[in-house]
Amino acid sequence: MPKKVATGVVTSDKCDKTRRVEIARQVRHSKYGKFIRQRTVCYVHDEGNASGEGDTVEIVESRPLSKTKRWELVRVIEKSRAVDVAALKAARDQVAEDLE
């Protein structure tokens, strides 16, 4: 049987070599017919720590690597463009202090 391949967004990169990936999907409500947003959470093995929070990644099913990890990272499709505002403010303040 072929392995499942999925695409999702990294929501946490706090652990070493482990990423939390959310796969968004829409499901139709059985009674009312309205489409509801749901998500599937997968814990992914990232050997080289190549992905970061907010990245879009491709993952593939694998053997159980731990209690929760069942997926492996194939590739990073798109890097996150999010800006860390706190880091920018800290850098700006540091430059201002150096000029004084």
PDB file of N, CA and C in Angstrom:
ATOM      1  N   MET A   1       0.838  -1.174   0.000  1.00  0.00           N
ATOM      2  CA  MET A   1       0.000   0.000   0.000  1.00  0.00           C
ATOM      3  C   MET A   1       0.890   1.247   0.000  1.00  0.00           C
ATOM      4  N   PRO A   2       0.603   2.235  -0.871  1.00  0.00           N
ATOM      5  CA  PRO A   2       1.452   3.437  -0.940  1.00  0.00           C
ATOM      6  C   PRO A   2       1.317   4.292   0.318  1.00  0.00           C
ATOM      7  N   LYS A   3       2.388   5.024   0.601  1.00  0.00           N
ATOM      8  CA  LYS A   3       2.382   5.905   1.772  1.00  0.00           C
ATOM      9  C   LYS A   3       1.596   7.169   1.463  1.00  0.00           C
ATOM     10  N   LYS A   4       0.916   7.700   2.490  1.00  0.00           N
ATOM     11  CA  LYS A   4       0.154   8.926   2.328  1.00  0.00           C
ATOM     12  C   LYS A   4       1.097  10.113   2.279  1.00  0.00           C
ATOM     13  N   VAL A   5       0.780  11.069   1.432  1.00  0.00           N
ATOM     14  CA  VAL A   5       1.534  12.315   1.323  1.00  0.00           C
ATOM     15  C   VAL A   5       0.565  13.453   1.611  1.00  0.00           C
ATOM     16  N   ALA A   6       0.984  14.430   2.416  1.00  0.00           N
ATOM     17  CA  ALA A   6       0.117  15.543   2.783  1.00  0.00           C
ATOM     18  C   ALA A   6       0.909  16.843   2.788  1.00  0.00           C
ATOM     19  N   THR A   7       0.181  17.946   2.709  1.00  0.00           N
ATOM     20  CA  THR A   7       0.777  19.275   2.761  1.00  0.00           C
ATOM     21  C   THR A   7       0.118  20.040   3.897  1.00  0.00           C
ATOM     22  N   GLY A   8       0.949  20.698   4.713  1.00  0.00           N
ATOM     23  CA  GLY A   8       0.412  21.452   5.838  1.00  0.00           C
ATOM     24  C   GLY A   8       1.334  22.583   6.240  1.00  0.00           C
ATOM     25  N   VAL A   9       0.950  23.268   7.319  1.00  0.00           N
ATOM     26  CA  VAL A   9       1.697  24.417   7.823  1.00  0.00           C
ATOM     27  C   VAL A   9       2.278  24.078   9.189  1.00  0.00           C
ATOM     28  N   VAL A  10       3.551  24.389   9.384  1.00  0.00           N
ATOM     29  CA  VAL A  10       4.217  24.149  10.670  1.00  0.00           C
ATOM     30  C   VAL A  10       3.685  25.157  11.679  1.00  0.00           C
ATOM     31  N   THR A  11       3.153  24.664  12.801  1.00  0.00           N
ATOM     32  CA  THR A  11       2.623  25.551  13.833  1.00  0.00           C
ATOM     33  C   THR A  11       3.516  25.604  15.068  1.00  0.00           C
ATOM     34  N   SER A  12       4.458  24.676  15.192  1.00  0.00           N
ATOM     35  CA  SER A  12       5.383  24.712  16.322  1.00  0.00           C
ATOM     36  C   SER A  12       6.694  24.052  15.916  1.00  0.00           C
ATOM     37  N   ASP A  13       7.802  24.741  16.264  1.00  0.00           N
ATOM     38  CA  ASP A  13       9.126  24.179  15.992  1.00  0.00           C
ATOM     39  C   ASP A  13       9.992  24.226  17.248  1.00  0.00           C
ATOM     40  N   LYS A  14       9.359  24.106  18.404  1.00  0.00           N
ATOM     41  CA  LYS A  14      10.068  24.242  19.674  1.00  0.00           C
ATOM     42  C   LYS A  14      10.917  23.022  20.019  1.00  0.00           C
ATOM     43  N   CYS A  15      10.493  21.858  19.601  1.00  0.00           N
ATOM     44  CA  CYS A  15      11.240  20.637  19.912  1.00  0.00           C
ATOM     45  C   CYS A  15      12.326  20.392  18.867  1.00  0.00           C
ATOM     46  N   ASP A  16      13.401  19.751  19.282  1.00  0.00           N
ATOM     47  CA  ASP A  16      14.488  19.427  18.378  1.00  0.00           C
ATOM     48  C   ASP A  16      14.085  18.249  17.492  1.00  0.00           C
ATOM     49  N   LYS A  17      14.189  18.420  16.182  1.00  0.00           N
ATOM     50  CA  LYS A  17      13.884  17.404  15.179  1.00  0.00           C
ATOM     51  C   LYS A  17      12.410  17.000  15.130  1.00  0.00           C
ATOM     52  N   THR A  18      11.524  17.776  15.751  1.00  0.00           N
ATOM     53  CA  THR A  18      10.096  17.476  15.721  1.00  0.00           C
ATOM     54  C   THR A  18       9.330  18.746  15.376  1.00  0.00           C
ATOM     55  N   ARG A  19       8.383  18.625  14.480  1.00  0.00           N
ATOM     56  CA  ARG A  19       7.540  19.747  14.090  1.00  0.00           C
ATOM     57  C   ARG A  19       6.078  19.351  14.246  1.00  0.00           C
ATOM     58  N   ARG A  20       5.257  20.331  14.642  1.00  0.00           N
ATOM     59  CA  ARG A  20       3.813  20.137  14.726  1.00  0.00           C
ATOM     60  C   ARG A  20       3.226  20.767  13.475  1.00  0.00           C
ATOM     61  N   VAL A  21       2.583  19.956  12.639  1.00  0.00           N
ATOM     62  CA  VAL A  21       2.055  20.410  11.353  1.00  0.00           C
ATOM     63  C   VAL A  21       0.537  20.278  11.374  1.00  0.00           C
ATOM     64  N   GLU A  22      -0.151  21.354  10.974  1.00  0.00           N
ATOM     65  CA  GLU A  22      -1.599  21.328  10.872  1.00  0.00           C
ATOM     66  C   GLU A  22      -2.004  21.251   9.407  1.00  0.00           C
ATOM     67  N   ILE A  23      -2.904  20.328   9.117  1.00  0.00           N
ATOM     68  CA  ILE A  23      -3.444  20.168   7.771  1.00  0.00           C
ATOM     69  C   ILE A  23      -4.891  20.651   7.815  1.00  0.00           C
ATOM     70  N   ALA A  24      -5.168  21.764   7.139  1.00  0.00           N
ATOM     71  CA  ALA A  24      -6.509  22.350   7.143  1.00  0.00           C
ATOM     72  C   ALA A  24      -7.396  21.616   6.145  1.00  0.00           C
ATOM     73  N   ARG A  25      -8.675  21.482   6.495  1.00  0.00           N
ATOM     74  CA  ARG A  25      -9.638  20.857   5.597  1.00  0.00           C
ATOM     75  C   ARG A  25     -11.024  21.415   5.894  1.00  0.00           C
ATOM     76  N   GLN A  26     -11.929  21.262   4.962  1.00  0.00           N
ATOM     77  CA  GLN A  26     -13.302  21.696   5.147  1.00  0.00           C
ATOM     78  C   GLN A  26     -14.212  20.482   5.047  1.00  0.00           C
ATOM     79  N   VAL A  27     -15.146  20.395   5.996  1.00  0.00           N
ATOM     80  CA  VAL A  27     -16.076  19.272   6.057  1.00  0.00           C
ATOM     81  C   VAL A  27     -17.493  19.829   6.018  1.00  0.00           C
ATOM     82  N   ARG A  28     -18.337  19.191   5.262  1.00  0.00           N
ATOM     83  CA  ARG A  28     -19.734  19.619   5.175  1.00  0.00           C
ATOM     84  C   ARG A  28     -20.516  19.046   6.356  1.00  0.00           C
ATOM     85  N   HIS A  29     -21.269  19.903   7.050  1.00  0.00           N
ATOM     86  CA  HIS A  29     -22.087  19.468   8.181  1.00  0.00           C
ATOM     87  C   HIS A  29     -23.189  18.557   7.669  1.00  0.00           C
ATOM     88  N   SER A  30     -23.375  17.426   8.331  1.00  0.00           N
ATOM     89  CA  SER A  30     -24.305  16.414   7.823  1.00  0.00           C
ATOM     90  C   SER A  30     -25.757  16.883   7.824  1.00  0.00           C
ATOM     91  N   LYS A  31     -26.149  17.693   8.795  1.00  0.00           N
ATOM     92  CA  LYS A  31     -27.546  18.114   8.886  1.00  0.00           C
ATOM     93  C   LYS A  31     -27.803  19.445   8.185  1.00  0.00           C
ATOM     94  N   TYR A  32     -26.950  20.419   8.424  1.00  0.00           N
ATOM     95  CA  TYR A  32     -27.209  21.775   7.931  1.00  0.00           C
ATOM     96  C   TYR A  32     -26.523  22.107   6.613  1.00  0.00           C
ATOM     97  N   GLY A  33     -25.542  21.315   6.209  1.00  0.00           N
ATOM     98  CA  GLY A  33     -24.896  21.518   4.928  1.00  0.00           C
ATOM     99  C   GLY A  33     -23.841  22.604   4.898  1.00  0.00           C
ATOM    100  N   LYS A  34     -23.652  23.293   6.017  1.00  0.00           N
ATOM    101  CA  LYS A  34     -22.642  24.353   6.064  1.00  0.00           C
ATOM    102  C   LYS A  34     -21.251  23.727   6.095  1.00  0.00           C
ATOM    103  N   PHE A  35     -20.295  24.368   5.415  1.00  0.00           N
ATOM    104  CA  PHE A  35     -18.927  23.881   5.434  1.00  0.00           C
ATOM    105  C   PHE A  35     -18.220  24.383   6.687  1.00  0.00           C
ATOM    106  N   ILE A  36     -17.591  23.472   7.407  1.00  0.00           N
ATOM    107  CA  ILE A  36     -16.918  23.779   8.665  1.00  0.00           C
ATOM    108  C   ILE A  36     -15.430  23.551   8.483  1.00  0.00           C
ATOM    109  N   ARG A  37     -14.627  24.501   8.973  1.00  0.00           N
ATOM    110  CA  ARG A  37     -13.177  24.340   8.919  1.00  0.00           C
ATOM    111  C   ARG A  37     -12.718  23.443  10.053  1.00  0.00           C
ATOM    112  N   GLN A  38     -11.941  22.443   9.700  1.00  0.00           N
ATOM    113  CA  GLN A  38     -11.346  21.563  10.696  1.00  0.00           C
ATOM    114  C   GLN A  38      -9.877  21.396  10.377  1.00  0.00           C
ATOM    115  N   ARG A  39      -9.126  20.845  11.318  1.00  0.00           N
ATOM    116  CA  ARG A  39      -7.701  20.647  11.087  1.00  0.00           C
ATOM    117  C   ARG A  39      -7.273  19.307  11.662  1.00  0.00           C
ATOM    118  N   THR A  40      -6.252  18.754  11.036  1.00  0.00           N
ATOM    119  CA  THR A  40      -5.623  17.533  11.507  1.00  0.00           C
ATOM    120  C   THR A  40      -4.220  17.897  11.950  1.00  0.00           C
ATOM    121  N   VAL A  41      -3.832  17.457  13.141  1.00  0.00           N
ATOM    122  CA  VAL A  41      -2.507  17.758  13.675  1.00  0.00           C
ATOM    123  C   VAL A  41      -1.627  16.525  13.537  1.00  0.00           C
ATOM    124  N   CYS A  42      -0.455  16.705  12.927  1.00  0.00           N
ATOM    125  CA  CYS A  42       0.506  15.620  12.750  1.00  0.00           C
ATOM    126  C   CYS A  42       1.834  16.059  13.343  1.00  0.00           C
ATOM    127  N   TYR A  43       2.490  15.156  14.020  1.00  0.00           N
ATOM    128  CA  TYR A  43       3.839  15.420  14.510  1.00  0.00           C
ATOM    129  C   TYR A  43       4.820  14.802  13.530  1.00  0.00           C
ATOM    130  N   VAL A  44       5.771  15.616  13.063  1.00  0.00           N
ATOM    131  CA  VAL A  44       6.618  15.267  11.932  1.00  0.00           C
ATOM    132  C   VAL A  44       8.078  15.234  12.366  1.00  0.00           C
ATOM    133  N   HIS A  45       8.813  14.223  11.878  1.00  0.00           N
ATOM    134  CA  HIS A  45      10.250  14.128  12.140  1.00  0.00           C
ATOM    135  C   HIS A  45      10.988  14.963  11.103  1.00  0.00           C
ATOM    136  N   ASP A  46      11.780  15.935  11.588  1.00  0.00           N
ATOM    137  CA  ASP A  46      12.571  16.822  10.731  1.00  0.00           C
ATOM    138  C   ASP A  46      14.030  16.672  11.144  1.00  0.00           C
ATOM    139  N   GLU A  47      14.735  15.757  10.505  1.00  0.00           N
ATOM    140  CA  GLU A  47      16.099  15.388  10.915  1.00  0.00           C
ATOM    141  C   GLU A  47      17.053  16.572  10.934  1.00  0.00           C
ATOM    142  N   GLY A  48      16.995  17.442   9.927  1.00  0.00           N
ATOM    143  CA  GLY A  48      17.953  18.537   9.834  1.00  0.00           C
ATOM    144  C   GLY A  48      17.441  19.856  10.385  1.00  0.00           C
ATOM    145  N   ASN A  49      16.299  19.859  11.042  1.00  0.00           N
ATOM    146  CA  ASN A  49      15.672  21.092  11.527  1.00  0.00           C
ATOM    147  C   ASN A  49      15.567  22.120  10.397  1.00  0.00           C
ATOM    148  N   ALA A  50      15.128  21.669   9.235  1.00  0.00           N
ATOM    149  CA  ALA A  50      15.080  22.523   8.042  1.00  0.00           C
ATOM    150  C   ALA A  50      13.883  23.460   8.034  1.00  0.00           C
ATOM    151  N   SER A  51      12.805  23.106   8.694  1.00  0.00           N
ATOM    152  CA  SER A  51      11.593  23.918   8.652  1.00  0.00           C
ATOM    153  C   SER A  51      11.469  24.766   9.908  1.00  0.00           C
ATOM    154  N   GLY A  52      10.671  25.815   9.783  1.00  0.00           N
ATOM    155  CA  GLY A  52      10.410  26.706  10.902  1.00  0.00           C
ATOM    156  C   GLY A  52       8.926  26.986  11.001  1.00  0.00           C
ATOM    157  N   GLU A  53       8.552  27.713  12.028  1.00  0.00           N
ATOM    158  CA  GLU A  53       7.144  28.007  12.248  1.00  0.00           C
ATOM    159  C   GLU A  53       6.601  28.856  11.103  1.00  0.00           C
ATOM    160  N   GLY A  54       5.432  28.466  10.579  1.00  0.00           N
ATOM    161  CA  GLY A  54       4.801  29.189   9.488  1.00  0.00           C
ATOM    162  C   GLY A  54       5.144  28.664   8.107  1.00  0.00           C
ATOM    163  N   ASP A  55       6.101  27.753   8.004  1.00  0.00           N
ATOM    164  CA  ASP A  55       6.489  27.192   6.708  1.00  0.00           C
ATOM    165  C   ASP A  55       5.432  26.217   6.205  1.00  0.00           C
ATOM    166  N   THR A  56       5.252  26.175   4.890  1.00  0.00           N
ATOM    167  CA  THR A  56       4.398  25.178   4.265  1.00  0.00           C
ATOM    168  C   THR A  56       5.290  24.000   3.876  1.00  0.00           C
ATOM    169  N   VAL A  57       4.924  22.801   4.327  1.00  0.00           N
ATOM    170  CA  VAL A  57       5.786  21.639   4.137  1.00  0.00           C
ATOM    171  C   VAL A  57       5.003  20.476   3.534  1.00  0.00           C
ATOM    172  N   GLU A  58       5.759  19.562   2.919  1.00  0.00           N
ATOM    173  CA  GLU A  58       5.199  18.312   2.408  1.00  0.00           C
ATOM    174  C   GLU A  58       5.699  17.201   3.304  1.00  0.00           C
ATOM    175  N   ILE A  59       4.773  16.349   3.771  1.00  0.00           N
ATOM    176  CA  ILE A  59       5.139  15.274   4.689  1.00  0.00           C
ATOM    177  C   ILE A  59       4.658  13.941   4.135  1.00  0.00           C
ATOM    178  N   VAL A  60       5.295  12.872   4.602  1.00  0.00           N
ATOM    179  CA  VAL A  60       4.940  11.525   4.149  1.00  0.00           C
ATOM    180  C   VAL A  60       4.812  10.623   5.373  1.00  0.00           C
ATOM    181  N   GLU A  61       3.904   9.695   5.289  1.00  0.00           N
ATOM    182  CA  GLU A  61       3.662   8.741   6.358  1.00  0.00           C
ATOM    183  C   GLU A  61       4.891   7.846   6.554  1.00  0.00           C
ATOM    184  N   SER A  62       5.185   7.483   7.808  1.00  0.00           N
ATOM    185  CA  SER A  62       6.333   6.621   8.080  1.00  0.00           C
ATOM    186  C   SER A  62       5.987   5.659   9.211  1.00  0.00           C
ATOM    187  N   ARG A  63       6.970   4.865   9.571  1.00  0.00           N
ATOM    188  CA  ARG A  63       6.784   3.962  10.713  1.00  0.00           C
ATOM    189  C   ARG A  63       6.704   4.803  11.983  1.00  0.00           C
ATOM    190  N   PRO A  64       6.144   4.278  13.068  1.00  0.00           N
ATOM    191  CA  PRO A  64       6.096   5.033  14.321  1.00  0.00           C
ATOM    192  C   PRO A  64       7.505   5.337  14.839  1.00  0.00           C
ATOM    193  N   LEU A  65       7.792   6.618  15.018  1.00  0.00           N
ATOM    194  CA  LEU A  65       9.096   7.039  15.499  1.00  0.00           C
ATOM    195  C   LEU A  65       9.082   7.319  17.002  1.00  0.00           C
ATOM    196  N   SER A  66       7.909   7.615  17.544  1.00  0.00           N
ATOM    197  CA  SER A  66       7.748   7.824  18.982  1.00  0.00           C
ATOM    198  C   SER A  66       6.276   7.618  19.294  1.00  0.00           C
ATOM    199  N   LYS A  67       5.866   8.047  20.479  1.00  0.00           N
ATOM    200  CA  LYS A  67       4.471   7.876  20.878  1.00  0.00           C
ATOM    201  C   LYS A  67       3.520   8.615  19.934  1.00  0.00           C
ATOM    202  N   THR A  68       3.908   9.799  19.478  1.00  0.00           N
ATOM    203  CA  THR A  68       3.024  10.600  18.634  1.00  0.00           C
ATOM    204  C   THR A  68       3.522  10.795  17.209  1.00  0.00           C
ATOM    205  N   LYS A  69       4.819  10.665  16.955  1.00  0.00           N
ATOM    206  CA  LYS A  69       5.364  10.941  15.621  1.00  0.00           C
ATOM    207  C   LYS A  69       5.138   9.764  14.672  1.00  0.00           C
ATOM    208  N   ARG A  70       4.444  10.070  13.554  1.00  0.00           N
ATOM    209  CA  ARG A  70       4.159   9.053  12.546  1.00  0.00           C
ATOM    210  C   ARG A  70       4.434   9.555  11.139  1.00  0.00           C
ATOM    211  N   TRP A  71       5.037  10.736  11.010  1.00  0.00           N
ATOM    212  CA  TRP A  71       5.261  11.358   9.711  1.00  0.00           C
ATOM    213  C   TRP A  71       6.707  11.836   9.613  1.00  0.00           C
ATOM    214  N   GLU A  72       7.187  11.975   8.368  1.00  0.00           N
ATOM    215  CA  GLU A  72       8.535  12.496   8.112  1.00  0.00           C
ATOM    216  C   GLU A  72       8.435  13.650   7.125  1.00  0.00           C
ATOM    217  N   LEU A  73       9.335  14.611   7.273  1.00  0.00           N
ATOM    218  CA  LEU A  73       9.382  15.763   6.378  1.00  0.00           C
ATOM    219  C   LEU A  73      10.008  15.364   5.052  1.00  0.00           C
ATOM    220  N   VAL A  74       9.347  15.719   3.946  1.00  0.00           N
ATOM    221  CA  VAL A  74       9.892  15.463   2.616  1.00  0.00           C
ATOM    222  C   VAL A  74      10.639  16.702   2.138  1.00  0.00           C
ATOM    223  N   ARG A  75       9.951  17.859   2.162  1.00  0.00           N
ATOM    224  CA  ARG A  75      10.580  19.096   1.711  1.00  0.00           C
ATOM    225  C   ARG A  75       9.798  20.294   2.227  1.00  0.00           C
ATOM    226  N   VAL A  76      10.460  21.427   2.244  1.00  0.00           N
ATOM    227  CA  VAL A  76       9.815  22.686   2.588  1.00  0.00           C
ATOM    228  C   VAL A  76       9.344  23.316   1.282  1.00  0.00           C
ATOM    229  N   ILE A  77       8.048  23.483   1.135  1.00  0.00           N
ATOM    230  CA  ILE A  77       7.482  24.031  -0.095  1.00  0.00           C
ATOM    231  C   ILE A  77       7.675  25.541  -0.135  1.00  0.00           C
ATOM    232  N   GLU A  78       7.342  26.207   0.978  1.00  0.00           N
ATOM    233  CA  GLU A  78       7.450  27.669   1.016  1.00  0.00           C
ATOM    234  C   GLU A  78       7.839  28.115   2.419  1.00  0.00           C
ATOM    235  N   LYS A  79       8.845  28.986   2.490  1.00  0.00           N
ATOM    236  CA  LYS A  79       9.276  29.515   3.781  1.00  0.00           C
ATOM    237  C   LYS A  79       8.293  30.592   4.239  1.00  0.00           C
ATOM    238  N   SER A  80       8.200  30.760   5.544  1.00  0.00           N
ATOM    239  CA  SER A  80       7.309  31.758   6.127  1.00  0.00           C
ATOM    240  C   SER A  80       7.828  33.166   5.855  1.00  0.00           C
ATOM    241  N   ARG A  81       6.897  34.084   5.614  1.00  0.00           N
ATOM    242  CA  ARG A  81       7.263  35.483   5.401  1.00  0.00           C
ATOM    243  C   ARG A  81       6.919  36.335   6.612  1.00  0.00           C
ATOM    244  N   ALA A  82       6.548  35.705   7.711  1.00  0.00           N
ATOM    245  CA  ALA A  82       6.168  36.440   8.919  1.00  0.00           C
ATOM    246  C   ALA A  82       7.370  37.185   9.483  1.00  0.00           C
ATOM    247  N   VAL A  83       7.105  38.372  10.024  1.00  0.00           N
ATOM    248  CA  VAL A  83       8.153  39.212  10.574  1.00  0.00           C
ATOM    249  C   VAL A  83       8.020  39.226  12.091  1.00  0.00           C
ATOM    250  N   ASP A  84       9.142  39.057  12.778  1.00  0.00           N
ATOM    251  CA  ASP A  84       9.159  39.097  14.231  1.00  0.00           C
ATOM    252  C   ASP A  84       9.270  40.555  14.666  1.00  0.00           C
ATOM    253  N   VAL A  85       8.128  41.150  15.059  1.00  0.00           N
ATOM    254  CA  VAL A  85       8.069  42.563  15.392  1.00  0.00           C
ATOM    255  C   VAL A  85       8.901  42.868  16.633  1.00  0.00           C
ATOM    256  N   ALA A  86       8.872  41.989  17.616  1.00  0.00           N
ATOM    257  CA  ALA A  86       9.635  42.221  18.838  1.00  0.00           C
ATOM    258  C   ALA A  86      11.134  42.286  18.553  1.00  0.00           C
ATOM    259  N   ALA A  87      11.613  41.424  17.676  1.00  0.00           N
ATOM    260  CA  ALA A  87      13.035  41.427  17.324  1.00  0.00           C
ATOM    261  C   ALA A  87      13.403  42.701  16.565  1.00  0.00           C
ATOM    262  N   LEU A  88      12.511  43.170  15.701  1.00  0.00           N
ATOM    263  CA  LEU A  88      12.775  44.413  14.968  1.00  0.00           C
ATOM    264  C   LEU A  88      12.851  45.612  15.914  1.00  0.00           C
ATOM    265  N   LYS A  89      11.941  45.672  16.887  1.00  0.00           N
ATOM    266  CA  LYS A  89      11.959  46.769  17.856  1.00  0.00           C
ATOM    267  C   LYS A  89      13.215  46.727  18.703  1.00  0.00           C
ATOM    268  N   ALA A  90      13.616  45.526  19.120  1.00  0.00           N
ATOM    269  CA  ALA A  90      14.828  45.393  19.930  1.00  0.00           C
ATOM    270  C   ALA A  90      16.059  45.834  19.145  1.00  0.00           C
ATOM    271  N   ALA A  91      16.118  45.476  17.868  1.00  0.00           N
ATOM    272  CA  ALA A  91      17.244  45.883  17.028  1.00  0.00           C
ATOM    273  C   ALA A  91      17.241  47.392  16.827  1.00  0.00           C
ATOM    274  N   ARG A  92      16.079  47.980  16.628  1.00  0.00           N
ATOM    275  CA  ARG A  92      15.980  49.431  16.458  1.00  0.00           C
ATOM    276  C   ARG A  92      16.429  50.156  17.727  1.00  0.00           C
ATOM    277  N   ASP A  93      16.015  49.665  18.887  1.00  0.00           N
ATOM    278  CA  ASP A  93      16.423  50.266  20.159  1.00  0.00           C
ATOM    279  C   ASP A  93      17.925  50.142  20.373  1.00  0.00           C
ATOM    280  N   GLN A  94      18.499  49.005  19.967  1.00  0.00           N
ATOM    281  CA  GLN A  94      19.941  48.794  20.115  1.00  0.00           C
ATOM    282  C   GLN A  94      20.707  49.782  19.241  1.00  0.00           C
ATOM    283  N   VAL A  95      20.246  50.017  18.020  1.00  0.00           N
ATOM    284  CA  VAL A  95      20.896  50.972  17.128  1.00  0.00           C
ATOM    285  C   VAL A  95      20.789  52.381  17.693  1.00  0.00           C
ATOM    286  N   ALA A  96      19.635  52.720  18.264  1.00  0.00           N
ATOM    287  CA  ALA A  96      19.455  54.043  18.859  1.00  0.00           C
ATOM    288  C   ALA A  96      20.410  54.254  20.033  1.00  0.00           C
ATOM    289  N   GLU A  97      20.609  53.216  20.842  1.00  0.00           N
ATOM    290  CA  GLU A  97      21.536  53.311  21.986  1.00  0.00           C
ATOM    291  C   GLU A  97      22.972  53.463  21.496  1.00  0.00           C
ATOM    292  N   ASP A  98      23.315  52.765  20.430  1.00  0.00           N
ATOM    293  CA  ASP A  98      24.691  52.863  19.912  1.00  0.00           C
ATOM    294  C   ASP A  98      24.994  54.247  19.357  1.00  0.00           C
ATOM    295  N   LEU A  99      23.965  54.914  18.792  1.00  0.00           N
ATOM    296  CA  LEU A  99      24.182  56.238  18.231  1.00  0.00           C
ATOM    297  C   LEU A  99      24.330  57.314  19.301  1.00  0.00           C
ATOM    298  N   GLU A 100      23.776  57.084  20.470  1.00  0.00           N
ATOM    299  CA  GLU A 100      23.850  58.071  21.558  1.00  0.00           C
ATOM    300  C   GLU A 100      25.156  58.085  22.260  1.00  0.00           C
TER     301      GLU A 100
END
